[in-house]
Amino acid sequence: QVQLVQSGGGLVQAGGSLRLSCAAYGSTFNIKTIGWYRQAPGKQREVVATITSGGTTNHADSVKGRFTISRDNAKDTVYLQMHSLEPEDTAIYYCGAQTVDRASPYWGRGTQVTVSS
């Protein structure tokens, strides 16, 4: 079992910055990929950025150059640093982890990010 506890988020003006954190607990050694996903009203959940156990990162085209995923292995925590935020980035952001021993991912509770124009 893996538990994901998210923090960060909130309201920011366009052009501003925010950082999201996701602390993993439990069988974190089983995590093969962990990352950030978002879901805007009326839209499907989409991947924002992921990082593998080997450290390989992947960012969605829509956030490349603005968002950066990173992790602190000692703290089992993953971060999403967001710069140059746009109103289109407004969504609920979820931390998700795929483990080697389960088909379905684990999810955090989600955190609201609202970017005002």
PDB file of N, CA and C in Angstrom:
ATOM      1  N   GLN A   1       0.833  -1.201   0.000  1.00  0.00           N
ATOM      2  CA  GLN A   1       0.000   0.000   0.000  1.00  0.00           C
ATOM      3  C   GLN A   1       0.864   1.246   0.000  1.00  0.00           C
ATOM      4  N   VAL A   2       0.397   2.241  -0.718  1.00  0.00           N
ATOM      5  CA  VAL A   2       1.076   3.535  -0.782  1.00  0.00           C
ATOM      6  C   VAL A   2       0.047   4.622  -0.490  1.00  0.00           C
ATOM      7  N   GLN A   3       0.426   5.552   0.345  1.00  0.00           N
ATOM      8  CA  GLN A   3      -0.414   6.713   0.607  1.00  0.00           C
ATOM      9  C   GLN A   3       0.303   7.962   0.088  1.00  0.00           C
ATOM     10  N   LEU A   4      -0.462   8.825  -0.546  1.00  0.00           N
ATOM     11  CA  LEU A   4       0.089  10.044  -1.130  1.00  0.00           C
ATOM     12  C   LEU A   4      -0.578  11.244  -0.465  1.00  0.00           C
ATOM     13  N   VAL A   5       0.236  12.089   0.140  1.00  0.00           N
ATOM     14  CA  VAL A   5      -0.278  13.265   0.840  1.00  0.00           C
ATOM     15  C   VAL A   5       0.200  14.513   0.119  1.00  0.00           C
ATOM     16  N   GLN A   6      -0.735  15.250  -0.401  1.00  0.00           N
ATOM     17  CA  GLN A   6      -0.417  16.439  -1.199  1.00  0.00           C
ATOM     18  C   GLN A   6      -0.488  17.713  -0.352  1.00  0.00           C
ATOM     19  N   SER A   7       0.301  18.687  -0.763  1.00  0.00           N
ATOM     20  CA  SER A   7       0.232  20.011  -0.165  1.00  0.00           C
ATOM     21  C   SER A   7       0.589  21.036  -1.227  1.00  0.00           C
ATOM     22  N   GLY A   8       0.256  22.270  -0.950  1.00  0.00           N
ATOM     23  CA  GLY A   8       0.500  23.346  -1.901  1.00  0.00           C
ATOM     24  C   GLY A   8      -0.760  23.678  -2.664  1.00  0.00           C
ATOM     25  N   GLY A   9      -0.610  24.449  -3.700  1.00  0.00           N
ATOM     26  CA  GLY A   9      -1.754  24.879  -4.488  1.00  0.00           C
ATOM     27  C   GLY A   9      -2.331  26.172  -3.970  1.00  0.00           C
ATOM     28  N   GLY A  10      -3.461  26.572  -4.551  1.00  0.00           N
ATOM     29  CA  GLY A  10      -4.117  27.795  -4.130  1.00  0.00           C
ATOM     30  C   GLY A  10      -4.436  28.701  -5.293  1.00  0.00           C
ATOM     31  N   LEU A  11      -4.583  29.987  -4.981  1.00  0.00           N
ATOM     32  CA  LEU A  11      -4.959  30.986  -5.973  1.00  0.00           C
ATOM     33  C   LEU A  11      -3.760  31.869  -6.284  1.00  0.00           C
ATOM     34  N   VAL A  12      -3.527  32.095  -7.569  1.00  0.00           N
ATOM     35  CA  VAL A  12      -2.392  32.923  -7.989  1.00  0.00           C
ATOM     36  C   VAL A  12      -2.787  33.697  -9.236  1.00  0.00           C
ATOM     37  N   GLN A  13      -2.183  34.838  -9.438  1.00  0.00           N
ATOM     38  CA  GLN A  13      -2.440  35.594 -10.654  1.00  0.00           C
ATOM     39  C   GLN A  13      -1.657  35.024 -11.818  1.00  0.00           C
ATOM     40  N   ALA A  14      -2.141  35.266 -13.006  1.00  0.00           N
ATOM     41  CA  ALA A  14      -1.433  34.825 -14.206  1.00  0.00           C
ATOM     42  C   ALA A  14      -0.003  35.361 -14.189  1.00  0.00           C
ATOM     43  N   GLY A  15       0.919  34.493 -14.566  1.00  0.00           N
ATOM     44  CA  GLY A  15       2.328  34.849 -14.536  1.00  0.00           C
ATOM     45  C   GLY A  15       3.017  34.485 -13.247  1.00  0.00           C
ATOM     46  N   GLY A  16       2.247  34.089 -12.259  1.00  0.00           N
ATOM     47  CA  GLY A  16       2.792  33.737 -10.960  1.00  0.00           C
ATOM     48  C   GLY A  16       3.324  32.318 -10.889  1.00  0.00           C
ATOM     49  N   SER A  17       3.749  31.948  -9.690  1.00  0.00           N
ATOM     50  CA  SER A  17       4.356  30.633  -9.463  1.00  0.00           C
ATOM     51  C   SER A  17       3.720  29.960  -8.251  1.00  0.00           C
ATOM     52  N   LEU A  18       3.737  28.645  -8.298  1.00  0.00           N
ATOM     53  CA  LEU A  18       3.299  27.822  -7.181  1.00  0.00           C
ATOM     54  C   LEU A  18       4.135  26.559  -7.160  1.00  0.00           C
ATOM     55  N   ARG A  19       4.207  25.935  -5.991  1.00  0.00           N
ATOM     56  CA  ARG A  19       4.862  24.638  -5.893  1.00  0.00           C
ATOM     57  C   ARG A  19       3.942  23.666  -5.181  1.00  0.00           C
ATOM     58  N   LEU A  20       3.795  22.509  -5.793  1.00  0.00           N
ATOM     59  CA  LEU A  20       3.023  21.423  -5.204  1.00  0.00           C
ATOM     60  C   LEU A  20       3.984  20.373  -4.661  1.00  0.00           C
ATOM     61  N   SER A  21       3.578  19.744  -3.552  1.00  0.00           N
ATOM     62  CA  SER A  21       4.361  18.671  -2.966  1.00  0.00           C
ATOM     63  C   SER A  21       3.498  17.437  -2.798  1.00  0.00           C
ATOM     64  N   CYS A  22       4.136  16.295  -2.919  1.00  0.00           N
ATOM     65  CA  CYS A  22       3.438  15.019  -2.737  1.00  0.00           C
ATOM     66  C   CYS A  22       4.370  14.097  -1.961  1.00  0.00           C
ATOM     67  N   ALA A  23       4.017  13.810  -0.729  1.00  0.00           N
ATOM     68  CA  ALA A  23       4.806  12.918   0.113  1.00  0.00           C
ATOM     69  C   ALA A  23       4.210  11.522   0.052  1.00  0.00           C
ATOM     70  N   ALA A  24       5.056  10.553  -0.214  1.00  0.00           N
ATOM     71  CA  ALA A  24       4.620   9.165  -0.316  1.00  0.00           C
ATOM     72  C   ALA A  24       4.975   8.412   0.957  1.00  0.00           C
ATOM     73  N   TYR A  25       4.033   7.568   1.384  1.00  0.00           N
ATOM     74  CA  TYR A  25       4.231   6.755   2.577  1.00  0.00           C
ATOM     75  C   TYR A  25       3.871   5.312   2.265  1.00  0.00           C
ATOM     76  N   GLY A  26       4.414   4.416   3.070  1.00  0.00           N
ATOM     77  CA  GLY A  26       4.101   3.008   2.903  1.00  0.00           C
ATOM     78  C   GLY A  26       5.156   2.305   2.069  1.00  0.00           C
ATOM     79  N   SER A  27       4.686   1.490   1.152  1.00  0.00           N
ATOM     80  CA  SER A  27       5.598   0.673   0.337  1.00  0.00           C
ATOM     81  C   SER A  27       6.142   1.481  -0.843  1.00  0.00           C
ATOM     82  N   THR A  28       6.852   2.531  -0.518  1.00  0.00           N
ATOM     83  CA  THR A  28       7.335   3.438  -1.563  1.00  0.00           C
ATOM     84  C   THR A  28       8.377   2.780  -2.459  1.00  0.00           C
ATOM     85  N   PHE A  29       8.996   1.719  -1.966  1.00  0.00           N
ATOM     86  CA  PHE A  29      10.001   1.019  -2.767  1.00  0.00           C
ATOM     87  C   PHE A  29       9.371   0.352  -3.985  1.00  0.00           C
ATOM     88  N   ASN A  30       8.054   0.193  -3.960  1.00  0.00           N
ATOM     89  CA  ASN A  30       7.348  -0.415  -5.087  1.00  0.00           C
ATOM     90  C   ASN A  30       6.958   0.582  -6.171  1.00  0.00           C
ATOM     91  N   ILE A  31       7.195   1.864  -5.919  1.00  0.00           N
ATOM     92  CA  ILE A  31       6.792   2.874  -6.898  1.00  0.00           C
ATOM     93  C   ILE A  31       7.740   2.849  -8.093  1.00  0.00           C
ATOM     94  N   LYS A  32       7.173   2.712  -9.296  1.00  0.00           N
ATOM     95  CA  LYS A  32       7.999   2.748 -10.497  1.00  0.00           C
ATOM     96  C   LYS A  32       7.873   4.081 -11.227  1.00  0.00           C
ATOM     97  N   THR A  33       6.717   4.717 -11.095  1.00  0.00           N
ATOM     98  CA  THR A  33       6.512   6.047 -11.683  1.00  0.00           C
ATOM     99  C   THR A  33       5.593   6.834 -10.767  1.00  0.00           C
ATOM    100  N   ILE A  34       5.938   8.098 -10.567  1.00  0.00           N
ATOM    101  CA  ILE A  34       5.086   8.982  -9.769  1.00  0.00           C
ATOM    102  C   ILE A  34       5.013  10.314 -10.484  1.00  0.00           C
ATOM    103  N   GLY A  35       3.883  10.967 -10.384  1.00  0.00           N
ATOM    104  CA  GLY A  35       3.784  12.223 -11.102  1.00  0.00           C
ATOM    105  C   GLY A  35       2.544  13.017 -10.772  1.00  0.00           C
ATOM    106  N   TRP A  36       2.344  14.021 -11.583  1.00  0.00           N
ATOM    107  CA  TRP A  36       1.255  14.951 -11.394  1.00  0.00           C
ATOM    108  C   TRP A  36       0.298  14.899 -12.578  1.00  0.00           C
ATOM    109  N   TYR A  37      -0.976  14.963 -12.237  1.00  0.00           N
ATOM    110  CA  TYR A  37      -2.043  14.930 -13.216  1.00  0.00           C
ATOM    111  C   TYR A  37      -3.007  16.056 -12.857  1.00  0.00           C
ATOM    112  N   ARG A  38      -3.796  16.487 -13.811  1.00  0.00           N
ATOM    113  CA  ARG A  38      -4.756  17.539 -13.487  1.00  0.00           C
ATOM    114  C   ARG A  38      -6.070  17.307 -14.222  1.00  0.00           C
ATOM    115  N   GLN A  39      -7.113  17.847 -13.626  1.00  0.00           N
ATOM    116  CA  GLN A  39      -8.427  17.728 -14.224  1.00  0.00           C
ATOM    117  C   GLN A  39      -9.143  19.056 -14.098  1.00  0.00           C
ATOM    118  N   ALA A  40      -9.407  19.656 -15.236  1.00  0.00           N
ATOM    119  CA  ALA A  40     -10.138  20.913 -15.275  1.00  0.00           C
ATOM    120  C   ALA A  40     -11.634  20.610 -15.367  1.00  0.00           C
ATOM    121  N   PRO A  41     -12.478  21.546 -14.996  1.00  0.00           N
ATOM    122  CA  PRO A  41     -13.927  21.314 -15.064  1.00  0.00           C
ATOM    123  C   PRO A  41     -14.368  20.911 -16.458  1.00  0.00           C
ATOM    124  N   GLY A  42     -15.115  19.829 -16.527  1.00  0.00           N
ATOM    125  CA  GLY A  42     -15.632  19.361 -17.800  1.00  0.00           C
ATOM    126  C   GLY A  42     -14.631  18.654 -18.688  1.00  0.00           C
ATOM    127  N   LYS A  43     -13.446  18.433 -18.180  1.00  0.00           N
ATOM    128  CA  LYS A  43     -12.411  17.775 -18.982  1.00  0.00           C
ATOM    129  C   LYS A  43     -11.919  16.513 -18.289  1.00  0.00           C
ATOM    130  N   GLN A  44     -11.263  15.671 -19.068  1.00  0.00           N
ATOM    131  CA  GLN A  44     -10.698  14.459 -18.508  1.00  0.00           C
ATOM    132  C   GLN A  44      -9.386  14.749 -17.802  1.00  0.00           C
ATOM    133  N   ARG A  45      -9.039  13.858 -16.887  1.00  0.00           N
ATOM    134  CA  ARG A  45      -7.759  13.991 -16.206  1.00  0.00           C
ATOM    135  C   ARG A  45      -6.637  13.784 -17.213  1.00  0.00           C
ATOM    136  N   GLU A  46      -5.620  14.627 -17.132  1.00  0.00           N
ATOM    137  CA  GLU A  46      -4.501  14.540 -18.054  1.00  0.00           C
ATOM    138  C   GLU A  46      -3.189  14.551 -17.284  1.00  0.00           C
ATOM    139  N   VAL A  47      -2.191  13.950 -17.895  1.00  0.00           N
ATOM    140  CA  VAL A  47      -0.878  13.917 -17.265  1.00  0.00           C
ATOM    141  C   VAL A  47      -0.210  15.273 -17.425  1.00  0.00           C
ATOM    142  N   VAL A  48       0.450  15.707 -16.363  1.00  0.00           N
ATOM    143  CA  VAL A  48       1.205  16.960 -16.400  1.00  0.00           C
ATOM    144  C   VAL A  48       2.703  16.663 -16.475  1.00  0.00           C
ATOM    145  N   ALA A  49       3.171  15.831 -15.551  1.00  0.00           N
ATOM    146  CA  ALA A  49       4.587  15.482 -15.518  1.00  0.00           C
ATOM    147  C   ALA A  49       4.758  14.235 -14.678  1.00  0.00           C
ATOM    148  N   THR A  50       5.720  13.409 -15.067  1.00  0.00           N
ATOM    149  CA  THR A  50       6.000  12.189 -14.324  1.00  0.00           C
ATOM    150  C   THR A  50       7.505  12.016 -14.160  1.00  0.00           C
ATOM    151  N   ILE A  51       7.863  11.209 -13.170  1.00  0.00           N
ATOM    152  CA  ILE A  51       9.267  10.877 -12.954  1.00  0.00           C
ATOM    153  C   ILE A  51       9.328   9.414 -12.558  1.00  0.00           C
ATOM    154  N   THR A  52      10.262   8.701 -13.164  1.00  0.00           N
ATOM    155  CA  THR A  52      10.384   7.284 -12.892  1.00  0.00           C
ATOM    156  C   THR A  52      11.316   7.033 -11.709  1.00  0.00           C
ATOM    157  N   SER A  53      11.348   5.787 -11.267  1.00  0.00           N
ATOM    158  CA  SER A  53      12.247   5.426 -10.176  1.00  0.00           C
ATOM    159  C   SER A  53      13.701   5.642 -10.572  1.00  0.00           C
ATOM    160  N   GLY A  54      13.972   5.603 -11.859  1.00  0.00           N
ATOM    161  CA  GLY A  54      15.322   5.849 -12.348  1.00  0.00           C
ATOM    162  C   GLY A  54      15.643   7.315 -12.542  1.00  0.00           C
ATOM    163  N   GLY A  55      14.641   8.178 -12.346  1.00  0.00           N
ATOM    164  CA  GLY A  55      14.886   9.614 -12.449  1.00  0.00           C
ATOM    165  C   GLY A  55      14.527  10.231 -13.784  1.00  0.00           C
ATOM    166  N   THR A  56      13.990   9.447 -14.689  1.00  0.00           N
ATOM    167  CA  THR A  56      13.609   9.986 -15.990  1.00  0.00           C
ATOM    168  C   THR A  56      12.323  10.794 -15.862  1.00  0.00           C
ATOM    169  N   THR A  57      12.361  12.004 -16.379  1.00  0.00           N
ATOM    170  CA  THR A  57      11.188  12.876 -16.286  1.00  0.00           C
ATOM    171  C   THR A  57      10.507  13.022 -17.640  1.00  0.00           C
ATOM    172  N   ASN A  58       9.229  13.326 -17.571  1.00  0.00           N
ATOM    173  CA  ASN A  58       8.455  13.572 -18.775  1.00  0.00           C
ATOM    174  C   ASN A  58       7.455  14.672 -18.455  1.00  0.00           C
ATOM    175  N   HIS A  59       7.421  15.689 -19.300  1.00  0.00           N
ATOM    176  CA  HIS A  59       6.491  16.793 -19.102  1.00  0.00           C
ATOM    177  C   HIS A  59       5.568  16.923 -20.303  1.00  0.00           C
ATOM    178  N   ALA A  60       4.326  17.219 -20.043  1.00  0.00           N
ATOM    179  CA  ALA A  60       3.378  17.456 -21.127  1.00  0.00           C
ATOM    180  C   ALA A  60       3.820  18.673 -21.927  1.00  0.00           C
ATOM    181  N   ASP A  61       3.539  18.656 -23.215  1.00  0.00           N
ATOM    182  CA  ASP A  61       3.950  19.762 -24.080  1.00  0.00           C
ATOM    183  C   ASP A  61       3.399  21.099 -23.582  1.00  0.00           C
ATOM    184  N   SER A  62       2.218  21.070 -23.021  1.00  0.00           N
ATOM    185  CA  SER A  62       1.567  22.304 -22.594  1.00  0.00           C
ATOM    186  C   SER A  62       2.259  22.977 -21.414  1.00  0.00           C
ATOM    187  N   VAL A  63       3.127  22.227 -20.718  1.00  0.00           N
ATOM    188  CA  VAL A  63       3.787  22.802 -19.547  1.00  0.00           C
ATOM    189  C   VAL A  63       5.306  22.851 -19.682  1.00  0.00           C
ATOM    190  N   LYS A  64       5.828  22.322 -20.757  1.00  0.00           N
ATOM    191  CA  LYS A  64       7.281  22.321 -20.944  1.00  0.00           C
ATOM    192  C   LYS A  64       7.832  23.746 -20.912  1.00  0.00           C
ATOM    193  N   GLY A  65       8.903  23.888 -20.173  1.00  0.00           N
ATOM    194  CA  GLY A  65       9.510  25.210 -20.035  1.00  0.00           C
ATOM    195  C   GLY A  65       8.902  26.051 -18.929  1.00  0.00           C
ATOM    196  N   ARG A  66       7.774  25.598 -18.391  1.00  0.00           N
ATOM    197  CA  ARG A  66       7.120  26.355 -17.308  1.00  0.00           C
ATOM    198  C   ARG A  66       7.057  25.550 -16.007  1.00  0.00           C
ATOM    199  N   PHE A  67       6.807  24.250 -16.122  1.00  0.00           N
ATOM    200  CA  PHE A  67       6.687  23.384 -14.949  1.00  0.00           C
ATOM    201  C   PHE A  67       7.886  22.448 -14.894  1.00  0.00           C
ATOM    202  N   THR A  68       8.283  22.092 -13.679  1.00  0.00           N
ATOM    203  CA  THR A  68       9.376  21.133 -13.497  1.00  0.00           C
ATOM    204  C   THR A  68       9.023  20.170 -12.376  1.00  0.00           C
ATOM    205  N   ILE A  69       9.120  18.890 -12.685  1.00  0.00           N
ATOM    206  CA  ILE A  69       8.924  17.869 -11.668  1.00  0.00           C
ATOM    207  C   ILE A  69      10.281  17.477 -11.105  1.00  0.00           C
ATOM    208  N   SER A  70      10.314  17.252  -9.799  1.00  0.00           N
ATOM    209  CA  SER A  70      11.561  16.821  -9.162  1.00  0.00           C
ATOM    210  C   SER A  70      11.197  15.980  -7.946  1.00  0.00           C
ATOM    211  N   ARG A  71      12.196  15.380  -7.363  1.00  0.00           N
ATOM    212  CA  ARG A  71      11.911  14.561  -6.195  1.00  0.00           C
ATOM    213  C   ARG A  71      13.067  14.594  -5.212  1.00  0.00           C
ATOM    214  N   ASP A  72      12.741  14.359  -3.968  1.00  0.00           N
ATOM    215  CA  ASP A  72      13.720  14.224  -2.894  1.00  0.00           C
ATOM    216  C   ASP A  72      13.583  12.794  -2.388  1.00  0.00           C
ATOM    217  N   ASN A  73      14.511  11.946  -2.775  1.00  0.00           N
ATOM    218  CA  ASN A  73      14.413  10.528  -2.410  1.00  0.00           C
ATOM    219  C   ASN A  73      14.482  10.318  -0.901  1.00  0.00           C
ATOM    220  N   ALA A  74      15.247  11.140  -0.234  1.00  0.00           N
ATOM    221  CA  ALA A  74      15.389  10.987   1.217  1.00  0.00           C
ATOM    222  C   ALA A  74      14.059  11.240   1.938  1.00  0.00           C
ATOM    223  N   LYS A  75      13.237  12.080   1.333  1.00  0.00           N
ATOM    224  CA  LYS A  75      11.945  12.410   1.936  1.00  0.00           C
ATOM    225  C   LYS A  75      10.779  11.707   1.248  1.00  0.00           C
ATOM    226  N   ASP A  76      11.068  10.917   0.229  1.00  0.00           N
ATOM    227  CA  ASP A  76       9.997  10.268  -0.552  1.00  0.00           C
ATOM    228  C   ASP A  76       8.946  11.296  -0.975  1.00  0.00           C
ATOM    229  N   THR A  77       9.434  12.406  -1.449  1.00  0.00           N
ATOM    230  CA  THR A  77       8.548  13.513  -1.819  1.00  0.00           C
ATOM    231  C   THR A  77       8.830  13.960  -3.246  1.00  0.00           C
ATOM    232  N   VAL A  78       7.773  14.208  -3.962  1.00  0.00           N
ATOM    233  CA  VAL A  78       7.850  14.705  -5.329  1.00  0.00           C
ATOM    234  C   VAL A  78       7.273  16.116  -5.360  1.00  0.00           C
ATOM    235  N   TYR A  79       7.891  16.956  -6.161  1.00  0.00           N
ATOM    236  CA  TYR A  79       7.471  18.345  -6.248  1.00  0.00           C
ATOM    237  C   TYR A  79       7.080  18.692  -7.690  1.00  0.00           C
ATOM    238  N   LEU A  80       6.221  19.657  -7.813  1.00  0.00           N
ATOM    239  CA  LEU A  80       5.930  20.242  -9.115  1.00  0.00           C
ATOM    240  C   LEU A  80       6.068  21.746  -8.956  1.00  0.00           C
ATOM    241  N   GLN A  81       7.135  22.276  -9.517  1.00  0.00           N
ATOM    242  CA  GLN A  81       7.353  23.711  -9.504  1.00  0.00           C
ATOM    243  C   GLN A  81       6.707  24.290 -10.748  1.00  0.00           C
ATOM    244  N   MET A  82       5.827  25.240 -10.544  1.00  0.00           N
ATOM    245  CA  MET A  82       5.073  25.820 -11.656  1.00  0.00           C
ATOM    246  C   MET A  82       5.376  27.308 -11.763  1.00  0.00           C
ATOM    247  N   HIS A  83       5.825  27.713 -12.922  1.00  0.00           N
ATOM    248  CA  HIS A  83       6.102  29.127 -13.204  1.00  0.00           C
ATOM    249  C   HIS A  83       5.243  29.574 -14.382  1.00  0.00           C
ATOM    250  N   SER A  84       5.155  30.883 -14.539  1.00  0.00           N
ATOM    251  CA  SER A  84       4.413  31.473 -15.667  1.00  0.00           C
ATOM    252  C   SER A  84       3.030  30.853 -15.813  1.00  0.00           C
ATOM    253  N   LEU A  85       2.353  30.766 -14.702  1.00  0.00           N
ATOM    254  CA  LEU A  85       1.036  30.128 -14.709  1.00  0.00           C
ATOM    255  C   LEU A  85       0.048  30.906 -15.549  1.00  0.00           C
ATOM    256  N   GLU A  86      -0.826  30.156 -16.196  1.00  0.00           N
ATOM    257  CA  GLU A  86      -1.833  30.717 -17.085  1.00  0.00           C
ATOM    258  C   GLU A  86      -3.212  30.304 -16.589  1.00  0.00           C
ATOM    259  N   PRO A  87      -4.238  31.072 -16.926  1.00  0.00           N
ATOM    260  CA  PRO A  87      -5.595  30.671 -16.517  1.00  0.00           C
ATOM    261  C   PRO A  87      -5.950  29.252 -16.972  1.00  0.00           C
ATOM    262  N   GLU A  88      -5.393  28.831 -18.097  1.00  0.00           N
ATOM    263  CA  GLU A  88      -5.657  27.485 -18.605  1.00  0.00           C
ATOM    264  C   GLU A  88      -5.073  26.396 -17.711  1.00  0.00           C
ATOM    265  N   ASP A  89      -4.209  26.763 -16.790  1.00  0.00           N
ATOM    266  CA  ASP A  89      -3.643  25.788 -15.858  1.00  0.00           C
ATOM    267  C   ASP A  89      -4.565  25.541 -14.672  1.00  0.00           C
ATOM    268  N   THR A  90      -5.647  26.273 -14.592  1.00  0.00           N
ATOM    269  CA  THR A  90      -6.601  26.087 -13.505  1.00  0.00           C
ATOM    270  C   THR A  90      -7.193  24.686 -13.555  1.00  0.00           C
ATOM    271  N   ALA A  91      -7.071  23.966 -12.449  1.00  0.00           N
ATOM    272  CA  ALA A  91      -7.540  22.585 -12.395  1.00  0.00           C
ATOM    273  C   ALA A  91      -7.313  22.047 -10.986  1.00  0.00           C
ATOM    274  N   ILE A  92      -7.839  20.862 -10.759  1.00  0.00           N
ATOM    275  CA  ILE A  92      -7.465  20.103  -9.567  1.00  0.00           C
ATOM    276  C   ILE A  92      -6.262  19.256  -9.960  1.00  0.00           C
ATOM    277  N   TYR A  93      -5.211  19.369  -9.192  1.00  0.00           N
ATOM    278  CA  TYR A  93      -3.981  18.634  -9.465  1.00  0.00           C
ATOM    279  C   TYR A  93      -3.898  17.436  -8.528  1.00  0.00           C
ATOM    280  N   TYR A  94      -3.630  16.290  -9.124  1.00  0.00           N
ATOM    281  CA  TYR A  94      -3.533  15.047  -8.381  1.00  0.00           C
ATOM    282  C   TYR A  94      -2.129  14.475  -8.495  1.00  0.00           C
ATOM    283  N   CYS A  95      -1.662  13.942  -7.395  1.00  0.00           N
ATOM    284  CA  CYS A  95      -0.441  13.157  -7.398  1.00  0.00           C
ATOM    285  C   CYS A  95      -0.843  11.704  -7.623  1.00  0.00           C
ATOM    286  N   GLY A  96      -0.154  11.032  -8.522  1.00  0.00           N
ATOM    287  CA  GLY A  96      -0.467   9.648  -8.817  1.00  0.00           C
ATOM    288  C   GLY A  96       0.796   8.806  -8.869  1.00  0.00           C
ATOM    289  N   ALA A  97       0.699   7.584  -8.369  1.00  0.00           N
ATOM    290  CA  ALA A  97       1.863   6.701  -8.341  1.00  0.00           C
ATOM    291  C   ALA A  97       1.487   5.327  -8.873  1.00  0.00           C
ATOM    292  N   GLN A  98       2.312   4.853  -9.765  1.00  0.00           N
ATOM    293  CA  GLN A  98       2.143   3.497 -10.298  1.00  0.00           C
ATOM    294  C   GLN A  98       3.180   2.609  -9.652  1.00  0.00           C
ATOM    295  N   THR A  99       2.710   1.497  -9.091  1.00  0.00           N
ATOM    296  CA  THR A  99       3.639   0.583  -8.434  1.00  0.00           C
ATOM    297  C   THR A  99       3.796  -0.697  -9.240  1.00  0.00           C
ATOM    298  N   VAL A 100       4.806  -1.459  -8.870  1.00  0.00           N
ATOM    299  CA  VAL A 100       5.115  -2.684  -9.607  1.00  0.00           C
ATOM    300  C   VAL A 100       4.174  -3.816  -9.254  1.00  0.00           C
ATOM    301  N   ASP A 101       3.415  -3.669  -8.158  1.00  0.00           N
ATOM    302  CA  ASP A 101       2.615  -4.785  -7.675  1.00  0.00           C
ATOM    303  C   ASP A 101       1.112  -4.570  -7.800  1.00  0.00           C
ATOM    304  N   ARG A 102       0.727  -3.505  -8.507  1.00  0.00           N
ATOM    305  CA  ARG A 102      -0.698  -3.249  -8.650  1.00  0.00           C
ATOM    306  C   ARG A 102      -0.971  -2.602 -10.001  1.00  0.00           C
ATOM    307  N   ALA A 103      -2.073  -3.024 -10.627  1.00  0.00           N
ATOM    308  CA  ALA A 103      -2.379  -2.512 -11.965  1.00  0.00           C
ATOM    309  C   ALA A 103      -2.871  -1.069 -11.920  1.00  0.00           C
ATOM    310  N   SER A 104      -3.687  -0.752 -10.927  1.00  0.00           N
ATOM    311  CA  SER A 104      -4.252   0.595 -10.869  1.00  0.00           C
ATOM    312  C   SER A 104      -3.363   1.498 -10.028  1.00  0.00           C
ATOM    313  N   PRO A 105      -3.284   2.777 -10.383  1.00  0.00           N
ATOM    314  CA  PRO A 105      -2.410   3.688  -9.639  1.00  0.00           C
ATOM    315  C   PRO A 105      -3.021   4.112  -8.304  1.00  0.00           C
ATOM    316  N   TYR A 106      -2.161   4.580  -7.434  1.00  0.00           N
ATOM    317  CA  TYR A 106      -2.600   5.231  -6.213  1.00  0.00           C
ATOM    318  C   TYR A 106      -2.745   6.721  -6.511  1.00  0.00           C
ATOM    319  N   TRP A 107      -3.713   7.349  -5.813  1.00  0.00           N
ATOM    320  CA  TRP A 107      -3.951   8.773  -6.026  1.00  0.00           C
ATOM    321  C   TRP A 107      -3.952   9.544  -4.717  1.00  0.00           C
ATOM    322  N   GLY A 108      -3.451  10.770  -4.790  1.00  0.00           N
ATOM    323  CA  GLY A 108      -3.634  11.694  -3.697  1.00  0.00           C
ATOM    324  C   GLY A 108      -5.041  12.272  -3.757  1.00  0.00           C
ATOM    325  N   ARG A 109      -5.375  13.107  -2.775  1.00  0.00           N
ATOM    326  CA  ARG A 109      -6.732  13.644  -2.693  1.00  0.00           C
ATOM    327  C   ARG A 109      -6.987  14.768  -3.687  1.00  0.00           C
ATOM    328  N   GLY A 110      -5.940  15.336  -4.204  1.00  0.00           N
ATOM    329  CA  GLY A 110      -6.114  16.444  -5.129  1.00  0.00           C
ATOM    330  C   GLY A 110      -6.000  17.783  -4.435  1.00  0.00           C
ATOM    331  N   THR A 111      -5.523  18.758  -5.178  1.00  0.00           N
ATOM    332  CA  THR A 111      -5.417  20.110  -4.650  1.00  0.00           C
ATOM    333  C   THR A 111      -5.792  21.097  -5.751  1.00  0.00           C
ATOM    334  N   GLN A 112      -6.543  22.105  -5.375  1.00  0.00           N
ATOM    335  CA  GLN A 112      -7.021  23.066  -6.360  1.00  0.00           C
ATOM    336  C   GLN A 112      -5.941  24.096  -6.668  1.00  0.00           C
ATOM    337  N   VAL A 113      -5.736  24.322  -7.946  1.00  0.00           N
ATOM    338  CA  VAL A 113      -4.881  25.417  -8.426  1.00  0.00           C
ATOM    339  C   VAL A 113      -5.765  26.321  -9.281  1.00  0.00           C
ATOM    340  N   THR A 114      -5.850  27.566  -8.904  1.00  0.00           N
ATOM    341  CA  THR A 114      -6.660  28.523  -9.647  1.00  0.00           C
ATOM    342  C   THR A 114      -5.780  29.691 -10.067  1.00  0.00           C
ATOM    343  N   VAL A 115      -5.773  29.961 -11.359  1.00  0.00           N
ATOM    344  CA  VAL A 115      -4.971  31.060 -11.908  1.00  0.00           C
ATOM    345  C   VAL A 115      -5.930  32.119 -12.443  1.00  0.00           C
ATOM    346  N   SER A 116      -5.865  33.288 -11.865  1.00  0.00           N
ATOM    347  CA  SER A 116      -6.749  34.364 -12.292  1.00  0.00           C
ATOM    348  C   SER A 116      -6.074  35.211 -13.363  1.00  0.00           C
ATOM    349  N   SER A 117      -6.890  35.713 -14.261  1.00  0.00           N
ATOM    350  CA  SER A 117      -6.346  36.526 -15.368  1.00  0.00           C
ATOM    351  C   SER A 117      -6.272  38.001 -15.004  1.00  0.00           C
TER     352      SER A 117
END
